[in-house]
Amino acid sequence: MESTKPKRKRRTKAEMEAARKQEAGQAKGLGDAVEAVTKVTGIKAFVEFMNGGEPCSGCEKRKKWLNKISKRRPEPLTLEEFRFIESIKDKKILTASENVNLSKTHARVYRTTYQVPGNCSSCAIQKHKDLVGLYESYLKDI
């Protein structure tokens, strides 16, 4: 008797690489996905070989361009989040509770996995920059 279970679609190496990068927070968009496919299929190595062992500047430009145009739109801010960002937008140093709230807001708005904030100041600065930029885009629309 044959099994009636539907067969699971097997993921390609490129899909697994892109998923791994996405989970690690490294994949930024379509450019990274295309790079993963070219790497796994050997196209990237071939192009570098033909280029005398040097990385292809055109490939890097394409990757950056695709990442730029394929960024996902952020979720809309809630009124509470808007007010929170307004209260911290000019601060250089955040309290521990503000840092946690910043990380939670960033994770929700940009659809990433929430991670308890550690001692990485560059991560907090980038999240702050992202959310303040979003906050300012709301002010431009008013």
Protein backbone atom coordinates (compact mmCIF):
# COMPACT_ATOMS: atom_id res chain seq x y z
CA MET A 1 0.00 0.00 0.00
CA GLU A 2 1.41 3.35 -1.04
CA SER A 3 1.76 6.20 1.37
CA THR A 4 -0.69 9.05 0.88
CA LYS A 5 1.62 11.56 2.53
CA PRO A 6 2.49 14.41 0.20
CA LYS A 7 6.14 14.50 -0.71
CA ARG A 8 8.12 17.31 0.82
CA LYS A 9 9.80 19.55 -1.68
CA ARG A 10 13.55 19.30 -1.29
CA ARG A 11 15.34 22.60 -0.96
CA THR A 12 18.31 23.34 -3.16
CA LYS A 13 21.70 24.23 -1.71
CA ALA A 14 21.15 27.83 -2.77
CA GLU A 15 17.81 27.96 -0.98
CA MET A 16 19.36 26.48 2.15
CA GLU A 17 22.26 28.97 1.98
CA ALA A 18 19.86 31.89 1.55
CA ALA A 19 17.71 30.62 4.44
CA ARG A 20 20.78 30.18 6.63
CA LYS A 21 21.92 33.74 5.89
CA GLN A 22 18.42 35.06 6.48
CA GLU A 23 18.25 33.31 9.86
CA ALA A 24 21.68 34.62 10.77
CA GLY A 25 20.54 38.12 9.86
CA GLN A 26 23.09 38.40 7.06
CA ALA A 27 20.86 38.20 4.03
CA LYS A 28 19.59 41.61 3.09
CA GLY A 29 17.50 40.87 0.07
CA LEU A 30 17.36 39.59 -3.45
CA GLY A 31 21.01 40.42 -4.16
CA ASP A 32 22.18 38.04 -1.44
CA ALA A 33 19.87 35.33 -2.77
CA VAL A 34 21.24 35.73 -6.31
CA GLU A 35 24.80 35.65 -4.96
CA ALA A 36 24.03 32.41 -3.07
CA VAL A 37 22.67 30.81 -6.26
CA THR A 38 25.69 31.85 -8.33
CA LYS A 39 28.02 30.61 -5.61
CA VAL A 40 26.38 27.18 -5.30
CA THR A 41 26.09 26.68 -9.06
CA GLY A 42 29.74 27.59 -9.62
CA ILE A 43 29.01 30.65 -11.74
CA LYS A 44 30.69 32.96 -9.23
CA ALA A 45 33.87 30.84 -9.17
CA PHE A 46 33.92 30.70 -12.98
CA VAL A 47 33.52 34.48 -13.31
CA GLU A 48 36.31 35.05 -10.78
CA PHE A 49 38.51 32.55 -12.64
CA MET A 50 37.89 34.36 -15.94
CA ASN A 51 38.60 37.65 -14.17
CA GLY A 52 42.09 36.52 -13.15
CA GLY A 53 41.07 35.45 -9.64
CA GLU A 54 39.67 38.88 -8.80
CA PRO A 55 36.09 39.37 -7.58
CA CYS A 56 33.73 40.80 -10.18
CA SER A 57 32.88 44.44 -9.46
CA GLY A 58 29.76 44.17 -11.64
CA CYS A 59 28.47 41.28 -9.54
CA GLU A 60 28.96 43.31 -6.37
CA LYS A 61 27.16 46.31 -7.89
CA ARG A 62 24.26 44.08 -8.98
CA LYS A 63 24.05 42.56 -5.50
CA LYS A 64 23.92 45.98 -3.82
CA TRP A 65 21.37 47.28 -6.32
CA LEU A 66 19.11 44.25 -5.95
CA ASN A 67 19.33 44.45 -2.15
CA LYS A 68 18.45 48.13 -2.29
CA ILE A 69 15.36 47.72 -4.49
CA SER A 70 14.09 44.56 -2.82
CA LYS A 71 14.01 45.72 0.80
CA ARG A 72 10.74 44.80 2.42
CA ARG A 73 8.53 47.59 3.60
CA PRO A 74 8.39 47.92 7.36
CA GLU A 75 5.20 47.32 9.30
CA PRO A 76 3.41 50.51 10.36
CA LEU A 77 4.29 51.88 13.78
CA THR A 78 1.67 51.77 16.49
CA LEU A 79 0.91 55.01 18.33
CA GLU A 80 2.75 53.68 21.39
CA GLU A 81 5.83 52.83 19.29
CA PHE A 82 5.69 56.22 17.58
CA ARG A 83 5.65 57.99 20.94
CA PHE A 84 8.47 55.77 22.22
CA ILE A 85 10.69 56.58 19.25
CA GLU A 86 9.84 60.26 19.65
CA SER A 87 11.04 60.09 23.26
CA ILE A 88 14.40 58.48 22.39
CA LYS A 89 15.18 59.96 18.98
CA ASP A 90 17.71 62.49 20.31
CA LYS A 91 19.21 60.31 23.03
CA LYS A 92 22.77 59.06 22.71
CA ILE A 93 22.57 56.64 25.66
CA LEU A 94 19.54 54.44 26.34
CA THR A 95 18.52 52.80 29.58
CA ALA A 96 18.29 49.01 29.70
CA SER A 97 14.49 49.08 29.46
CA GLU A 98 14.63 51.51 26.51
CA ASN A 99 17.13 49.23 24.78
CA VAL A 100 14.81 46.24 25.26
CA ASN A 101 11.84 48.24 23.95
CA LEU A 102 13.95 49.44 21.00
CA SER A 103 14.87 45.85 20.12
CA LYS A 104 11.28 44.60 20.44
CA THR A 105 9.94 47.45 18.31
CA HIS A 106 12.61 46.92 15.65
CA ALA A 107 11.94 43.17 15.54
CA ARG A 108 8.19 43.68 15.08
CA VAL A 109 8.42 46.49 12.55
CA TYR A 110 11.10 44.83 10.41
CA ARG A 111 9.76 41.28 10.88
CA THR A 112 12.90 39.83 12.43
CA THR A 113 13.35 37.51 15.36
CA TYR A 114 13.57 39.35 18.66
CA GLN A 115 16.84 38.81 20.45
CA VAL A 116 17.52 40.03 23.95
CA PRO A 117 19.87 43.01 23.53
CA GLY A 118 23.44 42.40 24.59
CA ASN A 119 26.43 44.67 24.82
CA CYS A 120 26.72 45.30 21.08
CA SER A 121 26.44 49.05 20.78
CA SER A 122 26.65 49.00 16.98
CA CYS A 123 23.52 46.80 16.84
CA ALA A 124 21.61 49.20 19.08
CA ILE A 125 22.84 52.20 17.08
CA GLN A 126 21.66 50.63 13.80
CA LYS A 127 18.24 49.76 15.25
CA HIS A 128 17.94 53.30 16.63
CA LYS A 129 18.93 54.73 13.23
CA ASP A 130 16.41 52.53 11.39
CA LEU A 131 13.52 53.42 13.68
CA VAL A 132 14.32 57.14 13.83
CA GLY A 133 14.47 57.14 10.02
CA LEU A 134 11.05 55.49 9.90
CA TYR A 135 9.75 57.98 12.49
CA GLU A 136 11.03 60.89 10.38
CA SER A 137 9.39 59.46 7.26
CA TYR A 138 6.08 59.60 9.14
CA LEU A 139 6.69 63.28 9.93
CA LYS A 140 7.34 64.06 6.25
CA ASP A 141 3.95 62.58 5.36
CA ILE A 142 2.11 64.87 7.77
